[in-house]
Amino acid sequence: MENLIWLLYYLLIFIVLIIIFRKSADSEHYLFLKLIGYTFLGAFSLQLNDWRLPLGFLISFLFFTKTKVNVKAKKRAVYVGLFIFVTSSIVPWVQTFLYEQPQEVALLNTNFYNGSLAEEWKNIHSKLGDENDSSKVIDFDMEINDEGTIKDFIMVVEENASPEKVHYNIQLAAIDEEFIVERTKVGSEGVQFADQTLTKADFFLKQIDLIKKPMLKHKDVDAYFLSASGQRTNHPQTDDESYRIDTAGKEKVESSEFPADAIVVDICDADCDYREYFLFDLLKKKPRITEANVLDIAQQNSTEVENWLESHTGDNIGYEKDGKYILKKNGEEKTVTEEEYISALEEVPRTSIDQNENMWEVTVENPYGESPHEMKFSLNEKSRMVEFFWAR
């Protein structure tokens, strides 16, 4: 719909130029093309920080000092360009203003145990979001009473929309039967987490949906407060009990399993006299990092490392076809002998590793495939996250 509106907008501009051309006073070679040029000049702008200046419109007056033929028509074309400049400056602001206005979405079910938060999010997103749901939870807080009625709800979701990321701030309205959804465009950077991993909104909420009433049935507690960051964390052993929550139910996590890699939800009563942790998608204790597995662990936690390794191994660096052996380098393919082919694949990628306390410094080189042919990264042994990446 938006593309159609812009198409009609530029069609209108074209029609206006035709009218200006046909009403021109004098005959002039290539006049219509010149009018188009003056229109572009009038629309040309200079960007200074957050300000756009109509530089082309100001420059156009220099041309009119030397123009003697069809001056009025050319000035009109410049003003058409100025109109394009003004509308192209105002329309995005208006679109953003309308886009970020709070929206009301009715709850599918006001009872947490009877409904599904994953379905609630799907319903919100289908009404307000893009078709492709690439959302991740940044913050989650919910209050339910002993029967499961949702009394309070706050969730912040980041969506990797195009061309910029969007934050959904979702809160329960005062009447408790609808969500108030505020969308905010936050540019291309969004939220950065160095030591933790955001989880997809749909996956996170499906984990929360695993909580059943028998899991929250404590004496003298009539309201439960659930909070989570929406991130997979390295959960340590605490004085409060921790439980594994999955389709099999609720099971206490033994001390030997800590620290535990999981999606962690903090649950307590109003005063936090009662408190426990629910651990979802709990992973087995991770193996110790060694020179043999450091690349595997790094690419599990870094898309940059994963993409570089993928583009410098397998068919991306060479292949065999019809008895011929081919090696690839910077977009060019070279036929080599079988011995050269096997030798090249066995020798690359070349890896050098240096362990400095809790940091693993790794350099990987491969002359084949596409540039860059060298990457370096630092892997934190404690967080198991890549904290520095460089490629050339």
Protein backbone atom coordinates (compact mmCIF):
# COMPACT_ATOMS: atom_id res chain seq x y z
CA MET A 1 0.00 0.00 0.00
CA GLU A 2 2.79 2.41 0.92
CA ASN A 3 4.62 1.67 -2.36
CA LEU A 4 1.42 2.41 -4.30
CA ILE A 5 1.02 5.77 -2.55
CA TRP A 6 4.58 6.79 -3.45
CA LEU A 7 4.05 5.61 -7.03
CA LEU A 8 0.97 7.83 -7.33
CA TYR A 9 2.92 10.70 -5.71
CA TYR A 10 5.69 10.59 -8.33
CA LEU A 11 3.15 10.11 -11.11
CA LEU A 12 1.50 13.35 -9.95
CA ILE A 13 4.89 15.11 -10.03
CA PHE A 14 5.43 13.86 -13.59
CA ILE A 15 2.02 15.14 -14.67
CA VAL A 16 2.73 18.56 -13.13
CA LEU A 17 6.00 18.77 -15.09
CA ILE A 18 4.15 17.94 -18.30
CA ILE A 19 1.69 20.78 -17.59
CA ILE A 20 4.58 23.21 -16.91
CA PHE A 21 6.24 22.08 -20.14
CA ARG A 22 3.12 22.57 -22.23
CA LYS A 23 2.55 26.05 -20.76
CA SER A 24 6.13 27.17 -21.42
CA ALA A 25 6.36 30.45 -23.31
CA ASP A 26 9.18 29.74 -25.77
CA SER A 27 10.39 26.84 -27.86
CA GLU A 28 13.63 25.37 -26.47
CA HIS A 29 15.59 22.22 -27.27
CA TYR A 30 15.34 19.45 -24.65
CA LEU A 31 13.18 21.70 -22.46
CA PHE A 32 11.35 18.82 -20.75
CA LEU A 33 14.64 17.17 -19.78
CA LYS A 34 15.86 20.52 -18.48
CA LEU A 35 12.70 20.87 -16.38
CA ILE A 36 13.37 17.44 -14.89
CA GLY A 37 16.92 18.58 -14.13
CA TYR A 38 15.67 21.75 -12.41
CA THR A 39 13.23 19.63 -10.39
CA PHE A 40 16.05 17.39 -9.20
CA LEU A 41 18.08 20.49 -8.36
CA GLY A 42 15.21 21.94 -6.32
CA ALA A 43 14.85 18.65 -4.42
CA PHE A 44 18.59 18.28 -3.71
CA SER A 45 19.42 18.58 -0.02
CA LEU A 46 22.43 18.71 2.27
CA GLN A 47 22.38 16.60 5.43
CA LEU A 48 23.99 18.19 8.52
CA ASN A 49 23.60 15.93 11.54
CA ASP A 50 19.82 15.68 11.98
CA TRP A 51 19.07 18.66 9.74
CA ARG A 52 18.37 18.69 6.00
CA LEU A 53 19.00 21.93 4.12
CA PRO A 54 17.46 22.72 0.68
CA LEU A 55 20.86 23.37 -0.88
CA GLY A 56 19.69 22.71 -4.44
CA PHE A 57 16.88 25.27 -4.15
CA LEU A 58 19.35 27.94 -3.03
CA ILE A 59 21.86 27.09 -5.76
CA SER A 60 19.14 27.26 -8.43
CA PHE A 61 18.93 31.04 -8.14
CA LEU A 62 22.49 31.25 -9.47
CA PHE A 63 21.31 29.60 -12.68
CA PHE A 64 18.45 32.01 -13.18
CA THR A 65 20.84 34.99 -13.36
CA LYS A 66 22.10 33.59 -16.68
CA THR A 67 18.85 32.05 -17.93
CA LYS A 68 16.90 34.09 -20.49
CA VAL A 69 14.47 31.55 -21.99
CA ASN A 70 11.49 29.95 -20.21
CA VAL A 71 12.59 31.37 -16.86
CA LYS A 72 9.09 31.09 -15.39
CA ALA A 73 8.74 27.42 -16.39
CA LYS A 74 12.15 26.57 -14.94
CA LYS A 75 11.39 28.38 -11.70
CA ARG A 76 8.18 26.41 -11.43
CA ALA A 77 10.14 23.18 -11.90
CA VAL A 78 12.51 24.22 -9.11
CA TYR A 79 9.53 24.87 -6.83
CA VAL A 80 8.24 21.39 -7.68
CA GLY A 81 11.62 20.10 -6.52
CA LEU A 82 11.29 22.17 -3.34
CA PHE A 83 7.88 20.59 -2.80
CA ILE A 84 9.49 17.14 -3.12
CA PHE A 85 12.13 18.21 -0.57
CA VAL A 86 9.52 19.42 1.92
CA THR A 87 7.25 16.39 1.60
CA SER A 88 10.15 13.92 1.76
CA SER A 89 11.27 15.64 4.98
CA ILE A 90 7.85 15.80 6.62
CA VAL A 91 6.32 12.47 5.56
CA PRO A 92 8.86 10.21 7.37
CA TRP A 93 8.34 12.24 10.57
CA VAL A 94 4.56 11.91 10.24
CA GLN A 95 4.87 8.19 9.51
CA THR A 96 7.04 7.67 12.59
CA PHE A 97 4.68 9.73 14.76
CA LEU A 98 1.66 7.68 13.67
CA TYR A 99 3.60 4.41 13.89
CA GLU A 100 4.66 5.10 17.49
CA GLN A 101 1.20 5.96 18.78
CA PRO A 102 0.06 3.53 21.52
CA GLN A 103 -2.20 0.75 20.26
CA GLU A 104 -4.74 -1.32 22.21
CA VAL A 105 -4.90 -5.10 21.72
CA ALA A 106 -7.41 -7.18 23.64
CA LEU A 107 -6.12 -10.18 25.62
CA LEU A 108 -7.05 -13.57 24.24
CA ASN A 109 -7.27 -14.90 27.79
CA THR A 110 -6.90 -13.05 31.09
CA ASN A 111 -5.89 -16.24 32.93
CA PHE A 112 -2.25 -17.26 32.55
CA TYR A 113 -2.87 -20.97 33.17
CA ASN A 114 -5.77 -21.19 30.71
CA GLY A 115 -4.17 -19.11 27.99
CA SER A 116 -0.80 -18.82 26.24
CA LEU A 117 1.64 -15.89 26.29
CA ALA A 118 3.14 -17.15 23.03
CA GLU A 119 -0.30 -16.85 21.42
CA GLU A 120 -0.80 -13.41 23.00
CA TRP A 121 2.45 -12.19 21.41
CA LYS A 122 1.56 -13.81 18.09
CA ASN A 123 -1.76 -11.98 18.18
CA ILE A 124 -0.10 -8.63 19.00
CA HIS A 125 2.54 -9.04 16.33
CA SER A 126 0.12 -10.15 13.63
CA LYS A 127 -1.93 -6.98 14.17
CA LEU A 128 0.93 -4.50 14.53
CA GLY A 129 4.17 -6.05 13.27
CA ASP A 130 5.82 -7.13 10.05
CA GLU A 131 5.03 -10.50 8.51
CA ASN A 132 8.47 -11.85 9.42
CA ASP A 133 8.73 -12.19 13.20
CA SER A 134 12.42 -11.81 14.15
CA SER A 135 11.70 -10.52 17.64
CA LYS A 136 13.68 -11.04 20.84
CA VAL A 137 12.68 -10.42 24.44
CA ILE A 138 14.67 -7.76 26.32
CA ASP A 139 12.68 -7.58 29.54
CA PHE A 140 9.76 -9.49 31.06
CA ASP A 141 7.73 -8.88 34.24
CA MET A 142 4.37 -10.38 35.15
CA GLU A 143 2.15 -10.64 38.24
CA ILE A 144 -0.51 -13.32 38.61
CA ASN A 145 -2.73 -14.16 41.54
CA ASP A 146 -3.10 -17.60 43.08
CA GLU A 147 -5.71 -18.57 40.48
CA GLY A 148 -3.57 -17.44 37.56
CA THR A 149 -5.34 -14.19 36.66
CA ILE A 150 -2.88 -11.76 35.10
CA LYS A 151 -2.79 -8.68 37.34
CA ASP A 152 0.18 -6.88 35.80
CA PHE A 153 2.30 -7.41 32.70
CA ILE A 154 5.28 -5.56 31.20
CA MET A 155 7.37 -6.89 28.33
CA VAL A 156 9.90 -5.20 26.07
CA VAL A 157 10.59 -6.87 22.74
CA GLU A 158 13.12 -5.89 20.10
CA GLU A 159 12.23 -6.66 16.52
CA ASN A 160 14.83 -6.72 13.79
CA ALA A 161 12.48 -5.00 11.35
CA SER A 162 13.53 -3.41 8.07
CA PRO A 163 15.15 -0.93 7.68
CA GLU A 164 15.58 -0.34 11.43
CA LYS A 165 14.95 -2.13 14.69
CA VAL A 166 11.76 -1.56 16.65
CA HIS A 167 11.06 -1.84 20.37
CA TYR A 168 7.65 -3.05 21.51
CA ASN A 169 6.77 -1.90 25.02
CA ILE A 170 3.77 -4.00 26.07
CA GLN A 171 1.86 -3.25 29.27
CA LEU A 172 -1.40 -4.43 30.75
CA ALA A 173 -4.06 -1.72 30.70
CA ALA A 174 -5.85 -0.62 33.87
CA ILE A 175 -8.96 -2.64 32.96
CA ASP A 176 -6.79 -5.81 32.80
CA GLU A 177 -8.42 -7.00 29.58
CA GLU A 178 -6.18 -5.40 26.97
CA PHE A 179 -2.54 -4.65 26.26
CA ILE A 180 -1.25 -1.15 25.56
CA VAL A 181 1.48 -1.52 22.94
CA GLU A 182 3.96 1.25 22.20
CA ARG A 183 6.34 0.82 19.27
CA THR A 184 9.53 2.86 19.05
CA LYS A 185 11.98 2.92 16.15
CA VAL A 186 15.48 2.61 17.62
CA GLY A 187 17.71 2.64 14.53
CA SER A 188 19.91 -0.19 13.33
CA GLU A 189 21.94 -0.81 16.50
CA GLY A 190 19.26 -1.78 19.01
CA VAL A 191 20.36 -3.35 22.29
CA GLN A 192 23.82 -4.90 22.56
CA PHE A 193 24.62 -7.67 25.05
CA ALA A 194 28.24 -8.72 25.26
CA ASP A 195 28.01 -11.59 27.74
CA GLN A 196 24.46 -12.83 27.28
CA THR A 197 22.29 -14.07 24.46
CA LEU A 198 18.81 -12.83 23.68
CA THR A 199 16.21 -15.48 22.91
CA LYS A 200 13.49 -15.36 20.28
CA ALA A 201 10.24 -14.00 21.68
CA ASP A 202 8.18 -16.96 20.51
CA PHE A 203 10.61 -19.48 22.05
CA PHE A 204 10.93 -17.56 25.32
CA LEU A 205 7.18 -17.24 25.81
CA LYS A 206 6.60 -20.90 24.98
CA GLN A 207 8.97 -21.71 27.83
CA ILE A 208 6.97 -19.49 30.21
CA ASP A 209 3.81 -21.28 29.04
CA LEU A 210 5.23 -24.49 30.54
CA ILE A 211 4.47 -23.15 34.03
CA LYS A 212 1.39 -24.88 35.41
CA LYS A 213 -0.67 -24.14 38.50
CA PRO A 214 0.77 -27.00 40.66
CA MET A 215 4.25 -25.47 40.22
CA LEU A 216 3.11 -22.28 41.99
CA LYS A 217 1.08 -23.53 44.89
CA HIS A 218 2.68 -22.21 48.07
CA LYS A 219 1.06 -21.63 51.43
CA ASP A 220 0.35 -18.00 52.36
CA VAL A 221 1.28 -16.73 48.86
CA ASP A 222 -1.61 -15.15 46.98
CA ALA A 223 0.37 -13.31 44.27
CA TYR A 224 3.41 -14.34 42.25
CA PHE A 225 5.83 -11.95 40.54
CA LEU A 226 7.75 -13.37 37.57
CA SER A 227 10.68 -11.47 36.06
CA ALA A 228 13.30 -12.30 33.47
CA SER A 229 15.71 -10.55 31.16
CA GLY A 230 14.73 -12.73 28.21
CA GLN A 231 18.35 -13.81 27.88
CA ARG A 232 20.16 -17.08 28.29
CA THR A 233 22.43 -16.64 31.32
CA ASN A 234 25.02 -18.51 33.32
CA HIS A 235 23.01 -19.04 36.52
CA PRO A 236 25.07 -19.64 39.71
CA GLN A 237 24.06 -21.63 42.75
CA THR A 238 22.09 -19.50 45.22
CA ASP A 239 20.57 -19.81 48.68
CA ASP A 240 17.14 -20.03 47.05
CA GLU A 241 16.03 -23.20 45.31
CA SER A 242 16.29 -23.54 41.53
CA TYR A 243 14.10 -25.83 39.44
CA ARG A 244 14.30 -27.22 35.93
CA ILE A 245 11.03 -26.56 34.07
CA ASP A 246 10.24 -28.52 30.92
CA THR A 247 7.48 -30.61 29.40
CA ALA A 248 8.14 -33.27 32.05
CA GLY A 249 7.27 -30.82 34.84
CA LYS A 250 9.21 -29.26 37.70
CA GLU A 251 12.44 -30.80 39.03
CA LYS A 252 14.98 -29.48 41.52
CA VAL A 253 18.40 -28.64 40.05
CA GLU A 254 21.22 -30.32 41.96
CA SER A 255 24.29 -28.42 43.11
CA SER A 256 26.50 -30.43 40.74
CA GLU A 257 24.72 -28.82 37.78
CA PHE A 258 25.74 -25.26 38.69
CA PRO A 259 26.62 -22.92 37.14
CA ALA A 260 23.70 -23.66 34.83
CA ASP A 261 23.20 -22.30 31.32
CA ALA A 262 19.49 -21.56 31.00
CA ILE A 263 16.71 -19.04 30.54
CA VAL A 264 16.13 -17.95 34.14
CA VAL A 265 12.88 -16.62 35.59
CA ASP A 266 12.96 -15.11 39.08
CA ILE A 267 9.75 -15.87 41.00
CA CYS A 268 8.78 -14.37 44.36
CA ASP A 269 5.87 -13.02 46.37
CA ALA A 270 5.18 -9.33 47.03
CA ASP A 271 7.91 -9.06 49.70
CA CYS A 272 10.15 -11.78 48.27
CA ASP A 273 9.90 -13.71 51.55
CA TYR A 274 9.31 -16.66 49.24
CA ARG A 275 11.65 -16.91 46.26
CA GLU A 276 12.79 -19.52 43.77
CA TYR A 277 14.22 -19.69 40.28
CA PHE A 278 12.72 -21.51 37.31
CA LEU A 279 15.28 -22.62 34.74
CA PHE A 280 14.07 -23.24 31.19
CA ASP A 281 15.88 -24.92 28.30
CA LEU A 282 18.60 -25.92 30.75
CA LEU A 283 21.72 -27.10 28.93
CA LYS A 284 24.09 -29.72 30.14
CA LYS A 285 27.24 -28.45 31.81
CA LYS A 286 29.54 -27.23 29.10
CA PRO A 287 32.83 -28.96 28.30
CA ARG A 288 36.11 -27.28 29.15
CA ILE A 289 37.51 -25.14 26.35
CA THR A 290 40.54 -26.70 24.67
CA GLU A 291 42.55 -26.04 21.52
CA ALA A 292 40.57 -28.84 19.87
CA ASN A 293 37.14 -27.26 20.45
CA VAL A 294 37.82 -23.52 20.70
CA LEU A 295 36.70 -22.88 17.09
CA ASP A 296 33.50 -24.88 17.54
CA ILE A 297 32.61 -23.02 20.74
CA ALA A 298 33.43 -19.63 19.21
CA GLN A 299 31.22 -20.14 16.16
CA GLN A 300 28.35 -21.30 18.37
CA ASN A 301 28.36 -17.89 20.05
CA SER A 302 29.46 -15.56 17.26
CA THR A 303 27.84 -15.15 13.84
CA GLU A 304 30.98 -13.35 12.61
CA VAL A 305 33.20 -16.35 13.40
CA GLU A 306 30.58 -18.76 12.06
CA ASN A 307 30.22 -16.86 8.78
CA TRP A 308 33.99 -16.56 8.27
CA LEU A 309 34.58 -20.28 8.87
CA GLU A 310 31.66 -21.24 6.64
CA SER A 311 32.96 -19.10 3.78
CA HIS A 312 36.47 -20.56 4.09
CA THR A 313 35.70 -24.28 4.25
CA GLY A 314 34.05 -26.94 2.10
CA ASP A 315 32.65 -26.01 -1.30
CA ASN A 316 33.42 -22.34 -0.70
CA ILE A 317 37.16 -22.95 -1.18
CA GLY A 318 37.14 -25.83 -3.66
CA TYR A 319 35.31 -28.76 -5.21
CA GLU A 320 35.72 -31.81 -7.44
CA LYS A 321 33.74 -32.16 -10.68
CA ASP A 322 34.07 -34.58 -13.59
CA GLY A 323 37.47 -35.72 -12.36
CA LYS A 324 38.78 -32.16 -12.14
CA TYR A 325 39.91 -30.51 -8.90
CA ILE A 326 39.10 -26.83 -8.46
CA LEU A 327 40.34 -24.34 -5.85
CA LYS A 328 38.66 -20.96 -5.36
CA LYS A 329 40.34 -17.68 -4.45
CA ASN A 330 38.81 -14.18 -4.56
CA GLY A 331 36.15 -15.12 -7.10
CA GLU A 332 38.53 -16.98 -9.40
CA GLU A 333 38.69 -20.74 -9.91
CA LYS A 334 41.88 -22.64 -10.65
CA THR A 335 42.19 -26.23 -11.82
CA VAL A 336 44.86 -28.13 -9.84
CA THR A 337 46.10 -31.68 -9.50
CA GLU A 338 44.53 -34.09 -7.04
CA GLU A 339 47.64 -33.89 -4.86
CA GLU A 340 47.53 -30.09 -4.76
CA TYR A 341 43.82 -30.16 -4.00
CA ILE A 342 44.10 -32.62 -1.10
CA SER A 343 47.20 -30.87 0.24
CA ALA A 344 45.42 -27.49 0.20
CA LEU A 345 42.39 -28.81 2.08
CA GLU A 346 44.54 -30.56 4.67
CA GLU A 347 46.68 -27.50 5.35
CA VAL A 348 43.90 -24.91 5.73
CA PRO A 349 42.61 -23.19 7.65
CA ARG A 350 45.81 -22.57 9.61
CA THR A 351 45.13 -21.76 13.25
CA SER A 352 47.33 -20.29 15.97
CA ILE A 353 46.08 -20.15 19.56
CA ASP A 354 47.37 -18.30 22.60
CA GLN A 355 45.70 -18.63 26.01
CA ASN A 356 46.12 -15.64 28.32
CA GLU A 357 44.44 -16.31 31.69
CA ASN A 358 40.70 -16.36 30.90
CA MET A 359 41.06 -15.22 27.30
CA TRP A 360 41.73 -17.37 24.26
CA GLU A 361 43.41 -15.37 21.48
CA VAL A 362 42.85 -17.13 18.16
CA THR A 363 44.12 -16.34 14.65
CA VAL A 364 42.80 -18.28 11.64
CA GLU A 365 44.15 -17.93 8.09
CA ASN A 366 43.02 -19.39 4.78
CA PRO A 367 44.39 -18.18 1.42
CA TYR A 368 41.43 -19.75 -0.41
CA GLY A 369 37.83 -18.58 -0.58
CA GLU A 370 36.76 -14.94 -0.60
CA SER A 371 38.53 -12.05 1.12
CA PRO A 372 39.12 -11.46 4.05
CA HIS A 373 41.56 -14.35 4.37
CA GLU A 374 42.47 -13.82 8.03
CA MET A 375 40.42 -13.42 11.18
CA LYS A 376 41.30 -12.91 14.82
CA PHE A 377 39.03 -13.21 17.82
CA SER A 378 39.16 -13.33 21.61
CA LEU A 379 37.05 -15.90 23.45
CA ASN A 380 36.25 -15.33 27.13
CA GLU A 381 36.60 -18.68 28.88
CA LYS A 382 34.17 -17.75 31.67
CA SER A 383 31.35 -16.31 29.58
CA ARG A 384 32.28 -18.44 26.52
CA MET A 385 31.50 -15.40 24.37
CA VAL A 386 33.56 -13.80 21.59
CA GLU A 387 34.49 -10.33 22.91
CA PHE A 388 36.69 -9.19 20.02
CA PHE A 389 36.52 -9.99 16.31
CA TRP A 390 38.67 -8.68 13.49
CA ALA A 391 39.07 -9.82 9.88
CA ARG A 392 41.10 -8.66 6.92
